[in-house]
C-alpha atoms as a PDB file:
ATOM      1  CA  MET A   1       0.005  -0.022  -0.015  1.00  0.00           C
ATOM      2  CA  ALA A   2       1.493   3.328  -1.118  1.00  0.00           C
ATOM      3  CA  VAL A   3       1.395   6.190   1.304  1.00  0.00           C
ATOM      4  CA  ARG A   4       1.536   9.892   0.420  1.00  0.00           C
ATOM      5  CA  TYR A   5       4.646  11.312   2.070  1.00  0.00           C
ATOM      6  CA  HIS A   6       5.870  14.841   1.332  1.00  0.00           C
ATOM      7  CA  GLY A   7       4.080  14.983  -2.002  1.00  0.00           C
ATOM      8  CA  SER A   8       5.322  11.691  -3.490  1.00  0.00           C
ATOM      9  CA  ASP A   9       4.148   8.145  -3.551  1.00  0.00           C
ATOM     10  CA  LEU A  10       6.421   6.070  -1.366  1.00  0.00           C
ATOM     11  CA  GLU A  11       5.884   2.690   0.165  1.00  0.00           C
ATOM     12  CA  SER A  12       6.993   4.015   3.538  1.00  0.00           C
ATOM     13  CA  PRO A  13       9.043   6.822   5.082  1.00  0.00           C
ATOM     14  CA  THR A  14      11.983   4.350   5.335  1.00  0.00           C
ATOM     15  CA  SER A  15      12.291   4.195   1.533  1.00  0.00           C
ATOM     16  CA  ASN A  16      13.208   7.886   1.564  1.00  0.00           C
ATOM     17  CA  ILE A  17      15.906   7.083   4.150  1.00  0.00           C
ATOM     18  CA  GLN A  18      17.174   4.246   2.012  1.00  0.00           C
ATOM     19  CA  HIS A  19      17.371   6.547  -0.977  1.00  0.00           C
ATOM     20  CA  ARG A  20      19.412   9.077   1.049  1.00  0.00           C
ATOM     21  CA  THR A  21      21.662   6.274   2.395  1.00  0.00           C
ATOM     22  CA  PHE A  22      22.208   5.131  -1.230  1.00  0.00           C
ATOM     23  CA  ASN A  23      23.202   8.691  -2.256  1.00  0.00           C
ATOM     24  CA  ILE A  24      25.598   8.936   0.736  1.00  0.00           C
ATOM     25  CA  GLU A  25      27.236   5.621  -0.217  1.00  0.00           C
ATOM     26  CA  LEU A  26      27.641   6.751  -3.795  1.00  0.00           C
ATOM     27  CA  TRP A  27      29.137  10.058  -2.632  1.00  0.00           C
ATOM     28  CA  THR A  28      31.560   8.172  -0.326  1.00  0.00           C
ATOM     29  CA  SER A  29      32.652   5.802  -3.067  1.00  0.00           C
ATOM     30  CA  ASN A  30      33.048   8.789  -5.436  1.00  0.00           C
ATOM     31  CA  VAL A  31      35.318  10.513  -2.885  1.00  0.00           C
ATOM     32  CA  GLN A  32      37.387   7.279  -2.532  1.00  0.00           C
ATOM     33  CA  LEU A  33      37.697   7.018  -6.360  1.00  0.00           C
ATOM     34  CA  ARG A  34      38.912  10.602  -6.588  1.00  0.00           C
ATOM     35  CA  LYS A  35      41.500   9.945  -3.860  1.00  0.00           C
ATOM     36  CA  GLY A  36      42.651   6.895  -5.711  1.00  0.00           C
ATOM     37  CA  ARG A  37      42.890   8.828  -9.008  1.00  0.00           C
ATOM     38  CA  LYS A  38      45.003  11.512  -7.304  1.00  0.00           C
ATOM     39  CA  THR A  39      47.322   8.867  -5.897  1.00  0.00           C
ATOM     40  CA  LEU A  40      47.686   7.264  -9.345  1.00  0.00           C
ATOM     41  CA  GLU A  41      48.492  10.705 -10.868  1.00  0.00           C
ATOM     42  CA  LYS A  42      51.142  11.284  -8.244  1.00  0.00           C
ATOM     43  CA  GLY A  43      52.656   7.857  -8.946  1.00  0.00           C
ATOM     44  CA  LYS A  44      52.649   8.697 -12.641  1.00  0.00           C
ATOM     45  CA  ARG A  45      54.536  11.918 -11.969  1.00  0.00           C
ATOM     46  CA  TRP A  46      57.146  10.072  -9.977  1.00  0.00           C
ATOM     47  CA  LEU A  47      57.532   7.451 -12.691  1.00  0.00           C
ATOM     48  CA  MET A  48      58.001  10.143 -15.272  1.00  0.00           C
ATOM     49  CA  LEU A  49      60.663  11.745 -13.061  1.00  0.00           C
ATOM     50  CA  ILE A  50      62.465   8.442 -12.679  1.00  0.00           C
ATOM     51  CA  GLN A  51      62.300   7.959 -16.433  1.00  0.00           C
ATOM     52  CA  ARG A  52      63.566  11.424 -17.253  1.00  0.00           C
ATOM     53  CA  ALA A  53      66.380  11.346 -14.700  1.00  0.00           C
ATOM     54  CA  ALA A  54      67.378   7.846 -15.902  1.00  0.00           C
ATOM     55  CA  LEU A  55      67.449   6.671 -12.286  1.00  0.00           C
ATOM     56  CA  LEU A  56      66.656   3.108 -13.306  1.00  0.00           C
ATOM     57  CA  ASN A  57      68.580   1.020 -15.817  1.00  0.00           C
ATOM     58  CA  GLN A  58      65.381  -0.856 -16.709  1.00  0.00           C
ATOM     59  CA  ALA A  59      63.609   1.663 -18.962  1.00  0.00           C
ATOM     60  CA  GLU A  60      61.223  -0.966 -20.281  1.00  0.00           C
ATOM     61  CA  LYS A  61      59.811  -1.674 -16.827  1.00  0.00           C
ATOM     62  CA  VAL A  62      59.300   2.030 -16.143  1.00  0.00           C
ATOM     63  CA  ASN A  63      57.509   2.384 -19.549  1.00  0.00           C
ATOM     64  CA  ASP A  64      55.312  -0.560 -18.704  1.00  0.00           C
ATOM     65  CA  ALA A  65      54.478   0.908 -15.294  1.00  0.00           C
ATOM     66  CA  LEU A  66      53.606   4.252 -16.891  1.00  0.00           C
ATOM     67  CA  LEU A  67      51.302   2.632 -19.383  1.00  0.00           C
ATOM     68  CA  GLU A  68      49.599   0.639 -16.573  1.00  0.00           C
ATOM     69  CA  CYS A  69      49.230   3.761 -14.514  1.00  0.00           C
ATOM     70  CA  GLU A  70      47.620   5.668 -17.422  1.00  0.00           C
ATOM     71  CA  GLU A  71      45.182   2.851 -18.004  1.00  0.00           C
ATOM     72  CA  LEU A  72      44.223   2.765 -14.299  1.00  0.00           C
ATOM     73  CA  ILE A  73      43.684   6.510 -14.308  1.00  0.00           C
ATOM     74  CA  LYS A  74      41.315   6.161 -17.303  1.00  0.00           C
ATOM     75  CA  ILE A  75      39.411   3.415 -15.463  1.00  0.00           C
ATOM     76  CA  PHE A  76      39.107   5.565 -12.334  1.00  0.00           C
ATOM     77  CA  VAL A  77      37.895   8.593 -14.357  1.00  0.00           C
ATOM     78  CA  GLN A  78      35.178   6.512 -16.049  1.00  0.00           C
ATOM     79  CA  SER A  79      34.175   5.036 -12.695  1.00  0.00           C
ATOM     80  CA  ILE A  80      33.882   8.552 -11.199  1.00  0.00           C
ATOM     81  CA  ARG A  81      31.700   9.677 -14.131  1.00  0.00           C
ATOM     82  CA  THR A  82      29.466   6.594 -13.723  1.00  0.00           C
ATOM     83  CA  ALA A  83      29.079   7.199  -9.974  1.00  0.00           C
ATOM     84  CA  GLU A  84      28.209  10.845 -10.558  1.00  0.00           C
ATOM     85  CA  GLY A  85      25.593   9.862 -13.160  1.00  0.00           C
ATOM     86  CA  LYS A  86      24.016   7.439 -10.715  1.00  0.00           C
ATOM     87  CA  ARG A  87      23.966   9.933  -7.913  1.00  0.00           C
ATOM     88  CA  LYS A  88      22.165  12.529 -10.060  1.00  0.00           C
ATOM     89  CA  LYS A  89      19.349  10.101 -10.882  1.00  0.00           C
END
């Protein structure tokens, strides 16, 4: 049985609380994703510094790590966009 609650049809007042909880969880995961992206970007900058200064004799491993870092950043950016889209709905 649907109940009128603040101008909308909801099954109960708790469904509004569940919706708010869902939004908070999405916001929290979005914050964590942004922190992860920033960490990856810092790591990428350090790898680029190591590469430019030729601090490691294994240039191929540094290049592989840079490529992996860039791919992970792309994944995090897309995840952030997805989370923001879900939060707006």
